[in-house]
Amino acid sequence: MSPIQGIASALNVSGTGIQLSLDDWLSAGKLCDLRITTHTGRMIYKRARVIWTRRVGERCVSGLEVVGSIAPHTPDDD
């Protein structure tokens, strides 16, 4: 959802963090608002801080620490 609009793939998920693979670069320290779709189709909204980022081939892989939940995004927010 922010700071970029894009689709990422979760490589690893825990109760406190998530490792993502995406096309865009995320800088360490940046706060991100995430909309996560589970394998059952449920939407979860979280705020996370980028802890590290590195290039893996053409992709960016980032480790994020979940710092809290956020309200669901609505079309009126745009």
N, C-alpha and C. Protein backbone atom coordinates (compact mmCIF):
# COMPACT_ATOMS: atom_id res chain seq x y z
N MET A 1 0.82 -1.19 0.00
CA MET A 1 0.00 0.00 0.00
C MET A 1 0.87 1.26 0.00
N SER A 2 1.84 1.35 0.87
CA SER A 2 2.75 2.48 0.84
C SER A 2 4.07 2.05 1.48
N PRO A 3 5.20 2.63 1.12
CA PRO A 3 5.39 3.82 0.31
C PRO A 3 5.30 3.56 -1.19
N ILE A 4 5.16 2.29 -1.60
CA ILE A 4 5.02 1.99 -3.03
C ILE A 4 3.73 1.21 -3.23
N GLN A 5 3.21 1.26 -4.42
CA GLN A 5 2.05 0.44 -4.79
C GLN A 5 2.59 -0.70 -5.64
N GLY A 6 2.54 -1.91 -5.12
CA GLY A 6 3.06 -3.03 -5.88
C GLY A 6 2.69 -4.34 -5.23
N ILE A 7 3.02 -5.39 -5.92
CA ILE A 7 2.76 -6.74 -5.42
C ILE A 7 4.09 -7.35 -5.01
N ALA A 8 4.10 -7.94 -3.83
CA ALA A 8 5.28 -8.61 -3.32
C ALA A 8 4.91 -10.05 -2.97
N SER A 9 5.91 -10.90 -2.96
CA SER A 9 5.72 -12.29 -2.53
C SER A 9 6.38 -12.47 -1.18
N ALA A 10 5.67 -13.09 -0.25
CA ALA A 10 6.24 -13.39 1.06
C ALA A 10 7.11 -14.62 0.95
N LEU A 11 8.36 -14.49 1.37
CA LEU A 11 9.29 -15.61 1.36
C LEU A 11 9.32 -16.31 2.72
N ASN A 12 9.06 -15.53 3.77
CA ASN A 12 9.10 -16.06 5.12
C ASN A 12 8.22 -15.16 5.99
N VAL A 13 7.42 -15.75 6.85
CA VAL A 13 6.52 -14.98 7.71
C VAL A 13 6.60 -15.55 9.13
N SER A 14 6.67 -14.63 10.11
CA SER A 14 6.62 -15.04 11.51
C SER A 14 5.64 -14.12 12.23
N GLY A 15 5.51 -14.29 13.52
CA GLY A 15 4.61 -13.45 14.29
C GLY A 15 5.08 -12.00 14.40
N THR A 16 6.37 -11.76 14.17
CA THR A 16 6.92 -10.41 14.33
C THR A 16 7.54 -9.83 13.06
N GLY A 17 7.59 -10.62 11.99
CA GLY A 17 8.24 -10.11 10.78
C GLY A 17 7.84 -10.82 9.52
N ILE A 18 8.33 -10.26 8.42
CA ILE A 18 8.03 -10.82 7.10
C ILE A 18 9.21 -10.52 6.17
N GLN A 19 9.55 -11.48 5.36
CA GLN A 19 10.58 -11.30 4.35
C GLN A 19 9.88 -11.27 2.99
N LEU A 20 10.09 -10.19 2.24
CA LEU A 20 9.38 -9.98 0.98
C LEU A 20 10.34 -9.96 -0.20
N SER A 21 9.85 -10.41 -1.33
CA SER A 21 10.53 -10.27 -2.61
C SER A 21 9.66 -9.39 -3.49
N LEU A 22 10.24 -8.31 -4.03
CA LEU A 22 9.47 -7.38 -4.85
C LEU A 22 10.36 -6.72 -5.89
N ASP A 23 9.74 -6.02 -6.84
CA ASP A 23 10.48 -5.35 -7.91
C ASP A 23 11.13 -4.06 -7.44
N ASP A 24 10.52 -3.35 -6.49
CA ASP A 24 10.99 -2.04 -6.06
C ASP A 24 11.92 -2.13 -4.86
N TRP A 25 12.77 -1.10 -4.70
CA TRP A 25 13.72 -1.03 -3.59
C TRP A 25 13.05 -0.41 -2.37
N LEU A 26 13.21 -1.02 -1.21
CA LEU A 26 12.75 -0.45 0.06
C LEU A 26 13.98 -0.11 0.90
N SER A 27 14.09 1.13 1.33
CA SER A 27 15.24 1.57 2.12
C SER A 27 15.07 1.19 3.59
N ALA A 28 16.17 0.79 4.21
CA ALA A 28 16.16 0.45 5.64
C ALA A 28 15.65 1.63 6.45
N GLY A 29 14.83 1.34 7.45
CA GLY A 29 14.26 2.36 8.32
C GLY A 29 12.90 2.87 7.86
N LYS A 30 12.54 2.63 6.61
CA LYS A 30 11.27 3.12 6.05
C LYS A 30 10.10 2.37 6.68
N LEU A 31 9.01 3.10 7.00
CA LEU A 31 7.78 2.47 7.46
C LEU A 31 6.91 2.14 6.26
N CYS A 32 6.31 0.97 6.27
CA CYS A 32 5.47 0.50 5.17
C CYS A 32 4.11 0.09 5.70
N ASP A 33 3.06 0.47 5.00
CA ASP A 33 1.72 -0.01 5.29
C ASP A 33 1.42 -1.14 4.31
N LEU A 34 1.10 -2.30 4.84
CA LEU A 34 0.93 -3.51 4.03
C LEU A 34 -0.50 -4.01 4.05
N ARG A 35 -0.98 -4.47 2.91
CA ARG A 35 -2.23 -5.22 2.82
C ARG A 35 -1.82 -6.62 2.43
N ILE A 36 -2.01 -7.56 3.32
CA ILE A 36 -1.58 -8.94 3.13
C ILE A 36 -2.79 -9.80 2.84
N THR A 37 -2.75 -10.55 1.76
CA THR A 37 -3.82 -11.49 1.43
C THR A 37 -3.33 -12.89 1.78
N THR A 38 -4.03 -13.55 2.68
CA THR A 38 -3.64 -14.90 3.09
C THR A 38 -4.05 -15.93 2.03
N HIS A 39 -3.61 -17.15 2.22
CA HIS A 39 -3.95 -18.22 1.27
C HIS A 39 -5.46 -18.50 1.25
N THR A 40 -6.20 -18.06 2.28
CA THR A 40 -7.65 -18.25 2.31
C THR A 40 -8.41 -17.04 1.74
N GLY A 41 -7.66 -16.00 1.35
CA GLY A 41 -8.28 -14.80 0.80
C GLY A 41 -8.56 -13.71 1.82
N ARG A 42 -8.27 -13.97 3.08
CA ARG A 42 -8.47 -12.97 4.14
C ARG A 42 -7.45 -11.84 3.99
N MET A 43 -7.89 -10.59 4.21
CA MET A 43 -7.01 -9.43 4.13
C MET A 43 -6.59 -9.02 5.55
N ILE A 44 -5.29 -8.78 5.71
CA ILE A 44 -4.72 -8.33 6.97
C ILE A 44 -3.95 -7.05 6.68
N TYR A 45 -4.11 -6.05 7.55
CA TYR A 45 -3.46 -4.76 7.35
C TYR A 45 -2.45 -4.53 8.47
N LYS A 46 -1.18 -4.33 8.10
CA LYS A 46 -0.10 -4.19 9.09
C LYS A 46 0.81 -3.02 8.72
N ARG A 47 1.45 -2.47 9.72
CA ARG A 47 2.52 -1.48 9.52
C ARG A 47 3.81 -2.19 9.90
N ALA A 48 4.85 -2.01 9.07
CA ALA A 48 6.13 -2.68 9.30
C ALA A 48 7.28 -1.73 8.99
N ARG A 49 8.41 -1.95 9.64
CA ARG A 49 9.62 -1.17 9.41
C ARG A 49 10.63 -2.04 8.66
N VAL A 50 11.23 -1.47 7.61
CA VAL A 50 12.24 -2.18 6.83
C VAL A 50 13.52 -2.26 7.66
N ILE A 51 13.99 -3.46 7.92
CA ILE A 51 15.20 -3.68 8.70
C ILE A 51 16.41 -3.83 7.77
N TRP A 52 16.25 -4.54 6.68
CA TRP A 52 17.33 -4.71 5.71
C TRP A 52 16.76 -4.94 4.32
N THR A 53 17.59 -4.67 3.32
CA THR A 53 17.21 -4.89 1.91
C THR A 53 18.46 -5.27 1.13
N ARG A 54 18.29 -6.16 0.16
CA ARG A 54 19.40 -6.52 -0.73
C ARG A 54 18.85 -6.91 -2.09
N ARG A 55 19.68 -6.82 -3.10
CA ARG A 55 19.32 -7.26 -4.45
C ARG A 55 19.56 -8.76 -4.57
N VAL A 56 18.61 -9.45 -5.17
CA VAL A 56 18.75 -10.87 -5.49
C VAL A 56 18.32 -10.99 -6.94
N GLY A 57 19.30 -11.04 -7.83
CA GLY A 57 19.01 -11.03 -9.26
C GLY A 57 18.35 -9.72 -9.64
N GLU A 58 17.20 -9.79 -10.28
CA GLU A 58 16.46 -8.60 -10.69
C GLU A 58 15.48 -8.13 -9.61
N ARG A 59 15.39 -8.86 -8.51
CA ARG A 59 14.41 -8.56 -7.46
C ARG A 59 15.08 -7.89 -6.26
N CYS A 60 14.26 -7.32 -5.41
CA CYS A 60 14.68 -6.76 -4.14
C CYS A 60 14.10 -7.66 -3.06
N VAL A 61 14.91 -8.06 -2.09
CA VAL A 61 14.43 -8.85 -0.97
C VAL A 61 14.64 -8.02 0.29
N SER A 62 13.57 -7.86 1.08
CA SER A 62 13.60 -7.02 2.27
C SER A 62 13.08 -7.78 3.47
N GLY A 63 13.70 -7.53 4.61
CA GLY A 63 13.23 -8.06 5.88
C GLY A 63 12.54 -6.94 6.65
N LEU A 64 11.28 -7.15 7.03
CA LEU A 64 10.49 -6.14 7.71
C LEU A 64 10.08 -6.63 9.09
N GLU A 65 10.10 -5.72 10.06
CA GLU A 65 9.61 -5.99 11.40
C GLU A 65 8.21 -5.41 11.52
N VAL A 66 7.23 -6.23 11.88
CA VAL A 66 5.86 -5.76 12.06
C VAL A 66 5.82 -4.94 13.35
N VAL A 67 5.31 -3.69 13.24
CA VAL A 67 5.25 -2.80 14.40
C VAL A 67 3.83 -2.52 14.85
N GLY A 68 2.83 -2.98 14.09
CA GLY A 68 1.44 -2.77 14.51
C GLY A 68 0.44 -3.04 13.41
N SER A 69 -0.82 -2.94 13.76
CA SER A 69 -1.91 -3.09 12.80
C SER A 69 -2.39 -1.71 12.37
N ILE A 70 -3.02 -1.62 11.21
CA ILE A 70 -3.57 -0.37 10.72
C ILE A 70 -4.99 -0.62 10.27
N ALA A 71 -5.76 0.46 10.11
CA ALA A 71 -7.13 0.35 9.62
C ALA A 71 -7.11 -0.03 8.14
N PRO A 72 -8.10 -0.79 7.69
CA PRO A 72 -8.17 -1.16 6.27
C PRO A 72 -8.21 0.07 5.37
N HIS A 73 -7.57 -0.03 4.23
CA HIS A 73 -7.56 1.03 3.22
C HIS A 73 -8.90 1.04 2.48
N THR A 74 -9.45 2.22 2.26
CA THR A 74 -10.70 2.34 1.50
C THR A 74 -10.45 3.19 0.28
N PRO A 75 -11.26 3.07 -0.78
CA PRO A 75 -11.08 3.89 -2.00
C PRO A 75 -11.13 5.39 -1.70
N ASP A 76 -11.85 5.81 -0.65
CA ASP A 76 -11.93 7.23 -0.31
C ASP A 76 -10.59 7.78 0.18
N ASP A 77 -9.65 6.88 0.55
CA ASP A 77 -8.34 7.31 1.04
C ASP A 77 -7.44 7.81 -0.07
N ASP A 78 -7.77 7.53 -1.33
CA ASP A 78 -6.91 7.92 -2.46
C ASP A 78 -7.03 9.39 -2.79
